[in-house]
Amino acid sequence: MNAATDTAPHESAAAERVRSVLARAVSLSLTTDARCYDLIGMHSIGRNGRITLTSQPDSPLEAQVAAAPDGSLAALLEFTDIAPTPLRDRVRARVTISGRLTPAGPEGEDGLRLDLARVTLRTAAGTQDVDLDRFALAEPDPLAVEEAAMLTHLADAHEDMVADLVALAGSRLPFGVVRALPLAVDRHAITLRCEYREGHCDLRLPFPVEARDATEAGEQVRRLLTTPSCAHHRHPSTRP
């Protein structure tokens, strides 16, 4: 009984989710036609979603780019979005970005720049191509960078609050939950993973008011527990 955390997001939401994944990512996998690289702490996301890789001039990747016939190298970047809490299935999304690597710039800029060709988001709801213009214009969710600290604190220090949040689902949640943990939080809602002996169900609890930062998100969680009429959603679509 596995359930997705959301339906396929519309284009703007998908672009924002990709930017959020990139904003909190500390590592990526890079594949060229000849080699695979696992890069940790070696990428940055600039204005308009520009991806730059830092590397030494004598690195194998730099050598590959330099040896490419036109000075650019086809590359595939893969980012994996992993929940910070100890869930059974921690992968929340995968982002794949393809393009061509070229020197970052002639004016003393170090590293390599990725000229985008395609951006793809894969979640439990399916796989979706993200429009490049929407990707460039999108901003990460304001909670993206602080999300991990917020969720781990909630799981470690406020088990009672998590249980109270699960109770908001009432009879709409299938019987037999053996464990519940925070899965995700953004400015719109908090999502809990309710695990059963076999499979899981994800419970999304929309905030009464959109949160602009971590402090406001904490306040919205407390409001959920004191507002009887709050809406909530369980997403029953099957994972692929």
Protein backbone atom coordinates (compact mmCIF):
# COMPACT_ATOMS: atom_id res chain seq x y z
CA MET A 1 0.00 0.00 0.00
CA ASN A 2 2.39 2.67 -1.18
CA ALA A 3 1.10 6.15 -1.88
CA ALA A 4 2.50 9.20 -3.65
CA THR A 5 3.00 12.49 -1.84
CA ASP A 6 1.48 14.49 -4.68
CA THR A 7 -0.02 14.34 -8.11
CA ALA A 8 2.10 15.47 -11.05
CA PRO A 9 2.82 19.16 -10.37
CA HIS A 10 1.90 21.79 -12.93
CA GLU A 11 4.79 23.36 -14.84
CA SER A 12 5.51 26.27 -12.50
CA ALA A 13 5.35 24.02 -9.43
CA ALA A 14 7.60 21.46 -11.10
CA ALA A 15 10.18 24.13 -11.92
CA GLU A 16 10.10 25.39 -8.32
CA ARG A 17 10.50 21.87 -6.99
CA VAL A 18 13.55 21.30 -9.19
CA ARG A 19 15.09 24.57 -7.99
CA SER A 20 14.37 23.52 -4.39
CA VAL A 21 16.09 20.15 -4.90
CA LEU A 22 19.13 21.90 -6.35
CA ALA A 23 19.20 24.51 -3.59
CA ARG A 24 19.58 21.90 -0.85
CA ALA A 25 21.71 19.39 -2.76
CA VAL A 26 25.31 18.95 -1.61
CA SER A 27 26.27 16.33 -4.17
CA LEU A 28 25.52 15.14 -7.69
CA SER A 29 26.45 12.43 -10.15
CA LEU A 30 27.87 13.52 -13.49
CA THR A 31 28.15 11.28 -16.53
CA THR A 32 29.96 11.99 -19.79
CA ASP A 33 30.50 9.70 -22.74
CA ALA A 34 33.67 8.37 -21.15
CA ARG A 35 33.47 8.69 -17.37
CA CYS A 36 31.25 8.99 -14.31
CA TYR A 37 31.95 11.37 -11.45
CA ASP A 38 30.48 11.76 -7.96
CA LEU A 39 30.90 15.42 -7.05
CA ILE A 40 30.47 16.60 -3.45
CA GLY A 41 30.36 20.30 -2.68
CA MET A 42 31.58 21.18 -6.16
CA HIS A 43 28.54 22.85 -7.73
CA SER A 44 26.75 26.15 -7.34
CA ILE A 45 23.41 27.40 -8.63
CA GLY A 46 23.49 31.00 -9.80
CA ARG A 47 21.06 33.49 -11.23
CA ASN A 48 18.50 32.00 -13.62
CA GLY A 49 19.44 28.51 -12.47
CA ARG A 50 22.90 28.62 -13.98
CA ILE A 51 24.91 25.58 -12.84
CA THR A 52 28.66 25.98 -12.37
CA LEU A 53 31.08 23.22 -11.38
CA THR A 54 34.27 24.06 -9.54
CA SER A 55 37.26 21.96 -10.52
CA GLN A 56 41.02 22.15 -10.76
CA PRO A 57 42.56 23.04 -14.17
CA ASP A 58 44.36 19.68 -14.24
CA SER A 59 41.34 17.57 -13.25
CA PRO A 60 40.18 14.73 -15.52
CA LEU A 61 36.88 16.53 -16.16
CA GLU A 62 38.61 19.75 -17.21
CA ALA A 63 40.86 17.67 -19.46
CA GLN A 64 37.85 16.05 -21.08
CA VAL A 65 36.28 19.43 -21.82
CA ALA A 66 39.54 20.81 -23.17
CA ALA A 67 39.94 17.80 -25.46
CA ALA A 68 36.39 18.00 -26.83
CA PRO A 69 36.31 18.95 -30.53
CA ASP A 70 34.40 22.22 -30.04
CA GLY A 71 35.45 22.93 -26.47
CA SER A 72 32.15 21.67 -25.01
CA LEU A 73 31.32 18.26 -23.58
CA ALA A 74 27.93 16.56 -23.42
CA ALA A 75 27.09 15.78 -19.79
CA LEU A 76 24.25 14.41 -17.67
CA LEU A 77 23.82 15.61 -14.08
CA GLU A 78 21.69 13.68 -11.59
CA PHE A 79 20.49 15.01 -8.23
CA THR A 80 18.71 12.81 -5.68
CA ASP A 81 16.41 14.43 -3.11
CA ILE A 82 16.51 12.34 0.07
CA ALA A 83 14.30 12.87 3.11
CA PRO A 84 16.37 13.79 6.18
CA THR A 85 14.35 11.55 8.51
CA PRO A 86 14.89 7.76 8.77
CA LEU A 87 12.05 6.59 6.56
CA ARG A 88 11.91 3.23 4.80
CA ASP A 89 11.88 4.86 1.37
CA ARG A 90 13.78 8.14 1.68
CA VAL A 91 14.05 9.14 -1.98
CA ARG A 92 11.53 11.93 -2.60
CA ALA A 93 12.57 13.05 -6.07
CA ARG A 94 15.25 12.72 -8.72
CA VAL A 95 16.30 15.52 -11.02
CA THR A 96 18.15 14.87 -14.25
CA ILE A 97 19.73 17.75 -16.16
CA SER A 98 21.48 17.36 -19.49
CA GLY A 99 23.51 19.87 -21.42
CA ARG A 100 27.03 20.76 -22.48
CA LEU A 101 29.93 21.69 -20.23
CA THR A 102 32.11 24.60 -21.31
CA PRO A 103 34.66 26.79 -19.51
CA ALA A 104 32.77 29.10 -17.14
CA GLY A 105 34.07 32.30 -18.75
CA PRO A 106 37.08 34.15 -20.06
CA GLU A 107 37.16 36.83 -17.35
CA GLY A 108 38.96 34.94 -14.63
CA GLU A 109 36.03 32.70 -13.76
CA ASP A 110 37.09 29.25 -12.63
CA GLY A 111 35.31 25.99 -13.32
CA LEU A 112 32.83 24.77 -15.89
CA ARG A 113 29.40 26.03 -16.92
CA LEU A 114 26.53 23.76 -17.95
CA ASP A 115 24.52 25.04 -20.92
CA LEU A 116 21.13 23.41 -20.35
CA ALA A 117 19.39 21.20 -22.88
CA ARG A 118 16.82 19.34 -20.78
CA VAL A 119 15.55 19.25 -17.19
CA THR A 120 13.51 16.30 -15.92
CA LEU A 121 11.81 15.79 -12.56
CA ARG A 122 10.87 12.33 -11.33
CA THR A 123 8.66 11.89 -8.27
CA ALA A 124 6.32 9.20 -6.99
CA ALA A 125 3.68 10.68 -9.30
CA GLY A 126 5.74 10.13 -12.44
CA THR A 127 8.29 11.79 -14.71
CA GLN A 128 7.90 15.30 -16.07
CA ASP A 129 10.04 17.48 -18.35
CA VAL A 130 10.45 21.02 -17.02
CA ASP A 131 10.35 23.96 -19.40
CA LEU A 132 13.77 25.62 -19.46
CA ASP A 133 12.37 29.15 -19.33
CA ARG A 134 10.22 28.28 -16.31
CA PHE A 135 13.24 26.67 -14.68
CA ALA A 136 15.28 29.84 -15.20
CA LEU A 137 12.55 32.06 -13.74
CA ALA A 138 11.66 29.83 -10.79
CA GLU A 139 12.91 30.35 -7.24
CA PRO A 140 13.46 27.64 -4.62
CA ASP A 141 10.82 27.30 -1.94
CA PRO A 142 11.78 29.66 0.93
CA LEU A 143 12.02 26.68 3.33
CA ALA A 144 14.17 24.51 1.04
CA VAL A 145 17.54 25.08 2.71
CA GLU A 146 16.18 24.91 6.29
CA GLU A 147 13.86 21.99 5.68
CA ALA A 148 16.23 19.24 6.87
CA ALA A 149 16.85 20.91 10.24
CA MET A 150 13.14 21.56 10.72
CA LEU A 151 12.09 17.97 9.97
CA THR A 152 14.81 16.30 12.05
CA HIS A 153 14.01 18.55 15.01
CA LEU A 154 10.31 17.72 14.72
CA ALA A 155 11.04 13.99 14.52
CA ASP A 156 13.60 13.93 17.35
CA ALA A 157 12.08 16.37 19.83
CA HIS A 158 8.34 16.44 19.14
CA GLU A 159 7.04 12.91 18.66
CA ASP A 160 3.85 13.91 20.45
CA MET A 161 3.24 16.72 17.95
CA VAL A 162 3.76 14.32 15.03
CA ALA A 163 1.21 11.94 16.56
CA ASP A 164 -1.26 14.80 16.99
CA LEU A 165 -0.78 15.81 13.36
CA VAL A 166 -1.46 12.25 12.20
CA ALA A 167 -4.61 12.22 14.32
CA LEU A 168 -5.97 15.09 12.22
CA ALA A 169 -6.64 12.59 9.43
CA GLY A 170 -9.12 10.71 11.59
CA SER A 171 -10.91 7.88 9.82
CA ARG A 172 -9.58 8.98 6.44
CA LEU A 173 -6.23 7.36 7.27
CA PRO A 174 -6.14 3.57 6.81
CA PHE A 175 -5.97 1.60 10.07
CA GLY A 176 -2.70 0.04 11.20
CA VAL A 177 -0.06 2.79 11.24
CA VAL A 178 3.07 1.46 12.96
CA ARG A 179 5.20 4.59 12.62
CA ALA A 180 4.83 8.17 11.40
CA LEU A 181 7.63 10.59 10.57
CA PRO A 182 7.89 13.99 8.88
CA LEU A 183 8.59 13.57 5.18
CA ALA A 184 8.62 17.10 3.77
CA VAL A 185 7.70 20.69 4.48
CA ASP A 186 7.35 23.69 2.20
CA ARG A 187 5.66 27.06 2.49
CA HIS A 188 2.28 25.50 1.71
CA ALA A 189 2.12 22.37 3.86
CA ILE A 190 3.78 19.69 5.93
CA THR A 191 3.73 16.06 4.76
CA LEU A 192 3.98 13.04 7.04
CA ARG A 193 4.93 9.50 6.05
CA CYS A 194 2.63 7.00 7.76
CA GLU A 195 4.20 3.55 7.60
CA TYR A 196 2.37 0.23 7.83
CA ARG A 197 3.66 -3.31 8.10
CA GLU A 198 3.66 -3.31 4.33
CA GLY A 199 3.96 -0.04 2.44
CA HIS A 200 3.11 3.49 3.49
CA CYS A 201 0.69 6.36 3.04
CA ASP A 202 1.69 10.05 2.85
CA LEU A 203 -0.46 12.62 4.61
CA ARG A 204 -0.23 16.22 3.40
CA LEU A 205 -1.55 18.89 5.77
CA PRO A 206 -1.97 22.30 4.11
CA PHE A 207 -1.13 25.31 6.28
CA PRO A 208 -3.92 27.78 7.12
CA VAL A 209 -1.64 30.57 5.80
CA GLU A 210 1.40 30.35 3.52
CA ALA A 211 4.69 30.44 5.45
CA ARG A 212 7.48 32.79 4.40
CA ASP A 213 10.23 31.30 6.55
CA ALA A 214 10.99 28.58 9.11
CA THR A 215 9.58 30.58 12.01
CA GLU A 216 6.26 31.09 10.26
CA ALA A 217 6.20 27.41 9.23
CA GLY A 218 6.51 26.41 12.88
CA GLU A 219 3.63 28.70 13.74
CA GLN A 220 1.51 27.20 10.97
CA VAL A 221 2.15 23.69 12.28
CA ARG A 222 0.90 24.81 15.70
CA ARG A 223 -2.14 26.41 14.06
CA LEU A 224 -2.95 23.11 12.36
CA LEU A 225 -3.28 21.54 15.81
CA THR A 226 -5.60 24.25 17.10
CA THR A 227 -7.80 24.83 14.02
CA PRO A 228 -10.48 22.10 13.83
CA SER A 229 -11.52 23.01 10.31
CA CYS A 230 -8.10 22.65 8.70
CA ALA A 231 -8.00 20.74 5.44
CA HIS A 232 -5.83 17.72 4.89
CA HIS A 233 -5.19 15.31 2.07
CA ARG A 234 -4.11 11.69 1.78
CA HIS A 235 -2.73 10.84 -1.64
CA PRO A 236 -3.61 7.28 -2.65
CA SER A 237 -1.98 7.10 -6.09
CA THR A 238 0.39 4.13 -6.43
CA ARG A 239 4.15 4.62 -6.68
CA PRO A 240 5.81 3.42 -9.89
